Protein backbone atom coordinates (compact mmCIF):
# COMPACT_ATOMS: atom_id res chain seq x y z
CA GLN A 1 0.00 0.00 0.00
CA LYS A 2 1.32 3.43 -0.95
CA PHE A 3 1.98 6.10 1.65
CA SER A 4 -1.00 8.37 2.26
CA PHE A 5 -1.12 11.56 4.31
CA GLU A 6 -4.79 10.82 4.99
CA GLN A 7 -3.88 7.42 6.43
CA ALA A 8 -1.04 9.00 8.41
CA LYS A 9 -3.56 11.37 10.03
CA LYS A 10 -5.77 8.42 11.00
CA VAL A 11 -2.79 6.58 12.51
CA LYS A 12 -1.82 9.70 14.46
CA GLN A 13 -5.37 10.02 15.75
CA ALA A 14 -5.45 6.36 16.82
CA LEU A 15 -2.09 6.65 18.61
CA SER A 16 -3.38 9.77 20.38
CA ILE A 17 -6.35 7.71 21.57
CA LEU A 18 -3.94 5.02 22.81
CA TRP A 19 -1.94 7.68 24.65
CA ASN A 20 -5.12 9.11 26.22
CA SER A 21 -6.14 5.61 27.33
CA PHE A 22 -2.79 5.12 29.04
CA THR A 23 -3.08 8.59 30.61
CA PHE A 24 -6.51 7.64 31.98
CA PHE A 25 -5.03 4.52 33.57
CA ASP A 26 -1.99 6.39 34.91
CA THR A 27 -4.16 9.15 36.37
CA TYR A 28 -6.75 7.02 38.13
CA TYR A 29 -5.08 3.81 39.25
CA GLY A 30 -4.32 3.62 42.96
CA LYS A 31 -0.59 4.29 43.23
CA ASP A 32 -0.42 2.20 46.39
CA ALA A 33 -2.25 -0.73 44.76
CA THR A 34 -0.51 -3.98 43.88
CA LEU A 35 -1.73 -4.73 40.37
CA THR A 36 -1.29 -7.89 38.34
CA LEU A 37 -2.39 -8.96 34.88
CA ILE A 38 -5.77 -10.70 34.62
CA GLU A 39 -5.47 -14.48 34.31
CA GLU A 40 -7.83 -16.40 32.05
CA LYS A 41 -9.31 -18.39 34.93
CA GLU A 42 -10.51 -15.13 36.55
CA ILE A 43 -12.41 -13.74 33.57
CA SER A 44 -15.75 -15.47 34.17
CA SER A 45 -16.04 -13.87 37.63
CA LEU A 46 -15.58 -10.31 36.31
CA PRO A 47 -18.36 -7.84 35.44
CA VAL A 48 -19.72 -8.27 31.92
CA GLU A 49 -18.01 -5.19 30.46
CA ASP A 50 -14.65 -6.49 31.72
CA GLN A 51 -15.30 -9.90 30.18
CA TRP A 52 -16.27 -8.26 26.89
CA VAL A 53 -13.19 -6.04 26.48
CA LEU A 54 -10.86 -8.95 27.34
CA SER A 55 -12.65 -11.06 24.75
CA ARG A 56 -12.21 -8.26 22.22
CA LEU A 57 -8.52 -8.09 23.17
CA ASN A 58 -8.14 -11.80 22.40
CA SER A 59 -9.94 -11.30 19.09
CA ALA A 60 -7.58 -8.43 18.24
CA ILE A 61 -4.51 -10.53 19.11
CA SER A 62 -5.80 -13.33 16.87
CA ALA A 63 -6.45 -10.92 13.99
CA VAL A 64 -3.07 -9.17 14.27
CA THR A 65 -1.22 -12.51 14.48
CA ALA A 66 -3.04 -13.85 11.41
CA HIS A 67 -2.25 -10.70 9.39
CA LEU A 68 1.42 -10.88 10.36
CA ASP A 69 1.60 -14.56 9.43
CA ASN A 70 0.05 -13.76 6.03
CA PHE A 71 2.35 -10.74 5.46
CA GLU A 72 -0.70 -8.42 5.42
CA PHE A 73 1.17 -5.66 7.17
CA HIS A 74 -1.27 -2.94 6.06
CA LEU A 75 -4.01 -4.76 7.99
CA VAL A 76 -2.01 -5.28 11.19
CA GLY A 77 -2.30 -1.68 12.35
CA ARG A 78 -5.96 -1.46 11.42
CA ALA A 79 -6.90 -4.47 13.55
CA ALA A 80 -4.96 -3.16 16.55
CA MET A 81 -6.18 0.41 16.16
CA ARG A 82 -9.80 -0.75 15.85
CA PHE A 83 -9.50 -2.38 19.27
CA ILE A 84 -7.85 0.71 20.77
CA SER A 85 -10.29 3.24 19.32
CA GLU A 86 -13.63 1.43 19.23
CA ASP A 87 -13.45 -1.15 22.02
CA LEU A 88 -11.04 0.16 24.63
CA SER A 89 -11.45 3.92 24.47
CA ARG A 90 -14.88 4.66 23.05
CA THR A 91 -16.74 1.87 24.85
CA TYR A 92 -14.89 0.30 27.79
CA ILE A 93 -13.38 3.42 29.33
CA LYS A 94 -16.73 5.18 28.97
CA LEU A 95 -18.41 2.32 30.84
CA ILE A 96 -15.95 2.24 33.75
CA ARG A 97 -15.48 5.93 34.54
CA ASP A 98 -17.70 5.69 37.63
CA ARG A 99 -15.90 2.51 38.74
CA MET A 100 -12.53 4.31 38.50
CA GLY A 101 -13.52 7.41 40.47
CA ALA A 102 -11.83 8.47 43.70
CA ASN A 103 -14.82 7.28 45.77
CA ALA A 104 -15.47 4.06 43.84
CA ASP A 105 -15.75 0.63 45.43
CA THR A 106 -12.18 -0.61 46.01
CA LYS A 107 -12.71 -4.12 44.62
CA SER A 108 -14.48 -2.91 41.49
CA LYS A 109 -11.89 -0.19 40.92
CA GLN A 110 -9.01 -2.64 41.16
CA GLN A 111 -10.75 -4.98 38.70
CA CYS A 112 -10.90 -2.12 36.19
CA GLU A 113 -7.27 -1.21 36.83
CA ARG A 114 -6.14 -4.78 36.20
CA VAL A 115 -8.23 -5.09 33.04
CA LEU A 116 -6.84 -1.80 31.69
CA LEU A 117 -3.32 -2.92 32.60
CA THR A 118 -3.84 -6.22 30.76
CA CYS A 119 -5.18 -4.47 27.66
CA LEU A 120 -2.48 -1.77 27.51
CA HIS A 121 0.37 -4.20 28.22
CA ASN A 122 -0.73 -6.52 25.42
CA VAL A 123 -1.37 -3.64 23.02
CA ALA A 124 2.18 -2.36 23.63
CA LYS A 125 3.55 -5.73 22.55
CA LEU A 126 1.10 -6.07 19.65
CA LEU A 127 2.15 -2.73 18.18
CA ALA A 128 5.90 -3.15 18.81
CA PRO A 129 6.73 -4.29 15.23
CA ILE A 130 5.01 -1.25 13.67
CA THR A 131 5.17 1.53 16.30
CA PRO A 132 8.38 0.72 18.21
CA PHE A 133 8.80 3.94 20.19
CA ILE A 134 5.40 4.46 21.79
CA SER A 135 5.24 0.68 22.40
CA GLU A 136 8.59 0.84 24.18
CA TYR A 137 7.45 3.70 26.39
CA LEU A 138 4.20 1.98 27.37
CA PHE A 139 6.01 -1.29 28.06
CA GLN A 140 8.55 0.41 30.32
CA GLN A 141 5.77 2.11 32.30
CA LEU A 142 3.71 -1.07 32.69
CA LYS A 143 6.26 -3.88 33.05
CA MET A 144 6.62 -3.25 36.80
CA PHE A 145 3.22 -4.93 37.22
CA THR A 146 4.15 -8.05 35.24
CA ASN A 147 6.60 -10.96 35.31
CA GLU A 148 8.66 -9.17 32.63
CA LYS A 149 10.29 -6.63 34.97
CA SER A 150 13.78 -7.83 34.06
CA LEU A 151 13.34 -7.29 30.31
CA THR A 152 15.11 -4.17 29.06
CA SER A 153 12.91 -3.73 25.99
CA VAL A 154 9.47 -4.58 24.62
CA HIS A 155 11.30 -6.10 21.63
CA LEU A 156 12.70 -8.81 23.91
CA ALA A 157 9.24 -9.78 25.21
CA ASP A 158 7.21 -12.69 23.88
CA PHE A 159 4.52 -11.73 21.38
CA PRO A 160 1.02 -12.00 22.94
CA LEU A 161 -0.87 -15.26 22.58
CA ALA A 162 -4.63 -15.05 22.14
CA GLY A 163 -6.77 -16.60 24.83
CA LYS A 164 -10.30 -17.85 24.33
CA ASN A 165 -12.79 -15.22 23.22
CA ASN A 166 -16.50 -15.15 24.11
CA GLU A 167 -18.24 -15.07 20.73
CA ALA A 168 -21.77 -14.96 22.16
CA LEU A 169 -20.94 -12.00 24.39
CA GLU A 170 -19.21 -10.16 21.54
CA LYS A 171 -22.24 -10.74 19.30
CA ASN A 172 -24.69 -9.46 21.95
CA MET A 173 -22.48 -6.46 22.68
CA ALA A 174 -22.37 -5.60 18.96
CA VAL A 175 -26.18 -5.39 19.04
CA ALA A 176 -26.05 -3.27 22.22
CA LEU A 177 -23.64 -0.86 20.55
CA ALA A 178 -25.89 -0.66 17.47
CA ILE A 179 -28.83 0.18 19.77
CA THR A 180 -26.70 2.86 21.44
CA GLU A 181 -25.69 4.39 18.11
CA ALA A 182 -29.35 4.56 17.08
CA GLY A 183 -30.25 6.01 20.49
CA ASN A 184 -27.62 8.72 20.08
CA ALA A 185 -29.09 9.57 16.67
CA CYS A 186 -32.50 9.88 18.34
CA ARG A 187 -31.05 12.22 20.92
CA GLN A 188 -29.52 14.38 18.22
CA ALA A 189 -32.86 14.58 16.40
CA ALA A 190 -34.60 15.55 19.65
CA SER A 191 -31.83 18.02 20.70
CA LEU A 192 -31.04 15.99 23.82
CA LYS A 193 -27.39 16.10 24.88
CA LEU A 194 -25.73 12.77 25.66
CA ARG A 195 -25.10 13.79 29.27
CA TRP A 196 -28.81 14.52 29.82
CA PRO A 197 -30.54 11.44 31.31
CA VAL A 198 -33.76 10.03 29.87
CA ARG A 199 -36.25 7.66 31.47
CA GLU A 200 -36.42 4.91 28.84
CA VAL A 201 -35.00 3.94 25.50
CA TYR A 202 -37.44 1.74 23.59
CA VAL A 203 -36.28 -0.98 21.19
CA TYR A 204 -38.62 -2.45 18.59
CA GLY A 205 -37.68 -5.56 16.63
CA ASN A 206 -37.44 -9.32 16.68
CA LYS A 207 -38.25 -10.32 20.26
CA GLU A 208 -36.35 -13.60 20.08
CA GLU A 209 -33.14 -11.88 18.90
CA LEU A 210 -33.29 -8.83 21.16
CA GLU A 211 -34.65 -10.21 24.46
CA SER A 212 -31.42 -11.94 25.49
CA VAL A 213 -29.37 -8.83 24.63
CA LEU A 214 -31.55 -6.52 26.70
CA SER A 215 -31.74 -8.87 29.69
CA SER A 216 -28.05 -9.84 29.82
CA LEU A 217 -26.68 -6.36 29.05
CA GLN A 218 -29.31 -4.14 30.68
CA ASN A 219 -26.84 -2.34 32.99
CA VAL A 220 -24.37 -1.80 30.16
CA LEU A 221 -27.11 -0.46 27.89
CA CYS A 222 -28.34 1.93 30.59
CA LYS A 223 -24.82 3.29 31.09
CA LEU A 224 -24.17 3.69 27.36
CA ASN A 225 -27.54 5.33 26.73
CA ASN A 226 -27.64 7.36 29.95
CA CYS A 227 -31.12 6.14 30.75
CA GLU A 228 -32.96 4.41 33.58
CA LYS A 229 -34.16 1.47 31.49
CA VAL A 230 -33.94 0.00 27.98
CA VAL A 231 -37.28 -1.56 27.10
CA LEU A 232 -38.20 -4.07 24.40
CA THR A 233 -41.50 -2.92 22.89
CA GLU A 234 -43.94 -4.70 20.58
CA LYS A 235 -45.24 -1.47 19.05
CA GLU A 236 -43.77 1.53 17.27
CA PHE A 237 -44.20 5.06 18.63
CA GLY A 238 -45.31 8.15 16.73
CA ASN A 239 -45.55 11.81 17.73
CA GLY A 240 -43.42 12.90 20.66
CA PHE A 241 -40.73 10.31 19.98
CA ALA A 242 -37.51 10.47 17.98
CA ALA A 243 -36.86 7.27 16.02
CA LYS A 244 -33.90 5.66 14.29
CA GLU A 245 -33.55 2.30 12.58
CA PHE A 246 -30.64 -0.06 13.25
CA ASN A 247 -29.73 -3.46 11.79
CA LYS A 248 -32.03 -5.40 14.16
CA GLY A 249 -35.02 -3.04 14.38
CA LYS A 250 -35.80 0.49 15.52
CA VAL A 251 -35.02 2.64 18.56
CA PHE A 252 -37.34 5.28 20.06
CA VAL A 253 -36.56 8.03 22.59
CA SER A 254 -39.22 10.31 24.06
CA GLU A 255 -38.78 14.02 23.37
CA LYS A 256 -40.78 14.94 26.49
CA ARG A 257 -38.96 15.78 29.71
CA ASP A 258 -40.47 16.17 33.16
CA GLU A 259 -39.18 18.56 35.80
CA ASP A 260 -37.06 15.94 37.54
CA LEU A 261 -35.24 15.04 34.29
CA VAL A 262 -34.61 18.73 33.61
CA LEU A 263 -33.10 19.16 37.08
CA GLN A 264 -30.93 16.07 36.61
CA SER A 265 -29.73 17.49 33.29
CA LEU A 266 -28.90 20.87 34.84
CA TYR A 267 -27.03 19.04 37.61
CA ARG A 268 -24.93 17.27 34.96
CA GLU A 269 -24.19 20.64 33.36
CA VAL A 270 -23.02 22.00 36.72
CA VAL A 271 -20.71 19.00 37.19
CA ARG A 272 -19.32 19.43 33.67
CA SER A 273 -18.64 23.13 34.28
CA ILE A 274 -16.83 22.43 37.55
CA GLN A 275 -14.73 19.67 35.96
CA ALA A 276 -13.83 22.02 33.09
CA ALA A 277 -12.80 24.71 35.61
CA ARG A 278 -10.64 22.16 37.48
CA LYS A 279 -8.93 21.16 34.23
CA ASN A 280 -8.34 24.77 33.16
CA THR A 281 -6.79 25.50 36.57
CA GLY A 282 -4.39 22.58 36.20
CA LEU A 283 -5.75 20.53 39.11
CA VAL A 284 -5.20 16.78 39.25
CA VAL A 285 -7.64 14.12 40.48
CA LEU A 286 -6.47 14.09 44.10
CA ASP A 287 -6.53 17.90 44.46
CA ARG A 288 -9.44 19.10 46.61
CA ILE A 289 -11.34 22.35 46.08
CA GLU A 290 -13.54 24.79 47.97
CA LEU A 291 -16.70 25.11 45.93
CA TYR A 292 -19.22 27.97 46.02
CA VAL A 293 -22.47 27.44 44.12
CA ASN A 294 -25.33 29.88 43.58
CA ALA A 295 -28.39 29.57 41.37
CA GLU A 296 -31.19 32.03 40.66
CA ASP A 297 -33.58 29.13 40.08
CA GLU A 298 -34.81 28.07 43.52
CA LYS A 299 -35.74 24.58 42.34
CA LEU A 300 -32.25 24.03 40.95
CA LEU A 301 -30.65 25.38 44.12
CA SER A 302 -32.81 23.07 46.21
CA TYR A 303 -31.86 20.12 44.00
CA LEU A 304 -28.15 20.95 44.28
CA LYS A 305 -28.47 21.05 48.09
CA LYS A 306 -30.15 17.64 47.95
CA MET A 307 -27.27 16.33 45.80
CA LYS A 308 -24.55 18.03 47.85
CA LYS A 309 -22.80 14.83 48.94
CA GLU A 310 -22.84 13.29 45.42
CA LEU A 311 -21.67 16.57 43.90
CA GLY A 312 -18.74 16.71 46.32
CA GLN A 313 -17.69 13.16 45.47
CA GLN A 314 -17.88 13.82 41.72
CA VAL A 315 -15.90 17.06 41.66
CA GLY A 316 -13.44 16.44 44.51
CA ASP A 317 -14.54 19.15 46.94
CA LYS A 318 -13.23 19.90 50.40
CA THR A 319 -16.18 22.12 51.28
CA ILE A 320 -19.29 23.29 49.39
């Protein structure tokens, strides 16, 4: 394949995503924690999103290995970058942000840390033949948690071997992601921001195909769609609902919003503004702030007082 500046831009973008994923891990993992790589025998006991991303990692390792064996070097990077961009960054890290927070459950947080470590460590070795420098840096930062501490370079490490992947889970998750994409299109049509919660997302389609997806991945779907419930419906909705087709059916999101949803949305906007101010000031996760909040809307002010404890945990306050 000939060199292309357009392709070079895409590679740069993907490597930036990899770097941001490592930065997320480096920022949030407990520096006093003793982390180890996830072993295959542990996977079945992990939360479903952890099982899924590890399965996708194994699928990526298999694909990259096959392309290398067949001298399809132009496909090696694509397979690895697809895992980094689509699976690890866009989906998994989005799902685990709450589990990685400063006030998260310790066991759940450490599970996420170990899964991220396993993914990043293997990606560093996967990419070593084609991106030697960033792979070397990642390997040097992560090898302290592995049995490869004594190795002086990623290029002396064994190439990753693919474990068993969960095809059924990957298939169900692909449907869940298609539902989410359609749900996001509905939000856009209804002018509903992604960070604004909605009550339900309705899915219309083949009951036999969709029922197992919605039941087994309900929590994941609710997180991805920022809703209270994803419901399988036997009817289509008309006025007052935004609709979007996907490969298994159709998704509907109500355009109507009650007062409680509006207050929840305004609360999310307040959190986003505070986080943006923290970032602009150069604060890190463990830095604590004194926060002063005022609102002309009495209902919003009352709601913020009600959510004072949660707000403090989310923005890292010392006093509000």
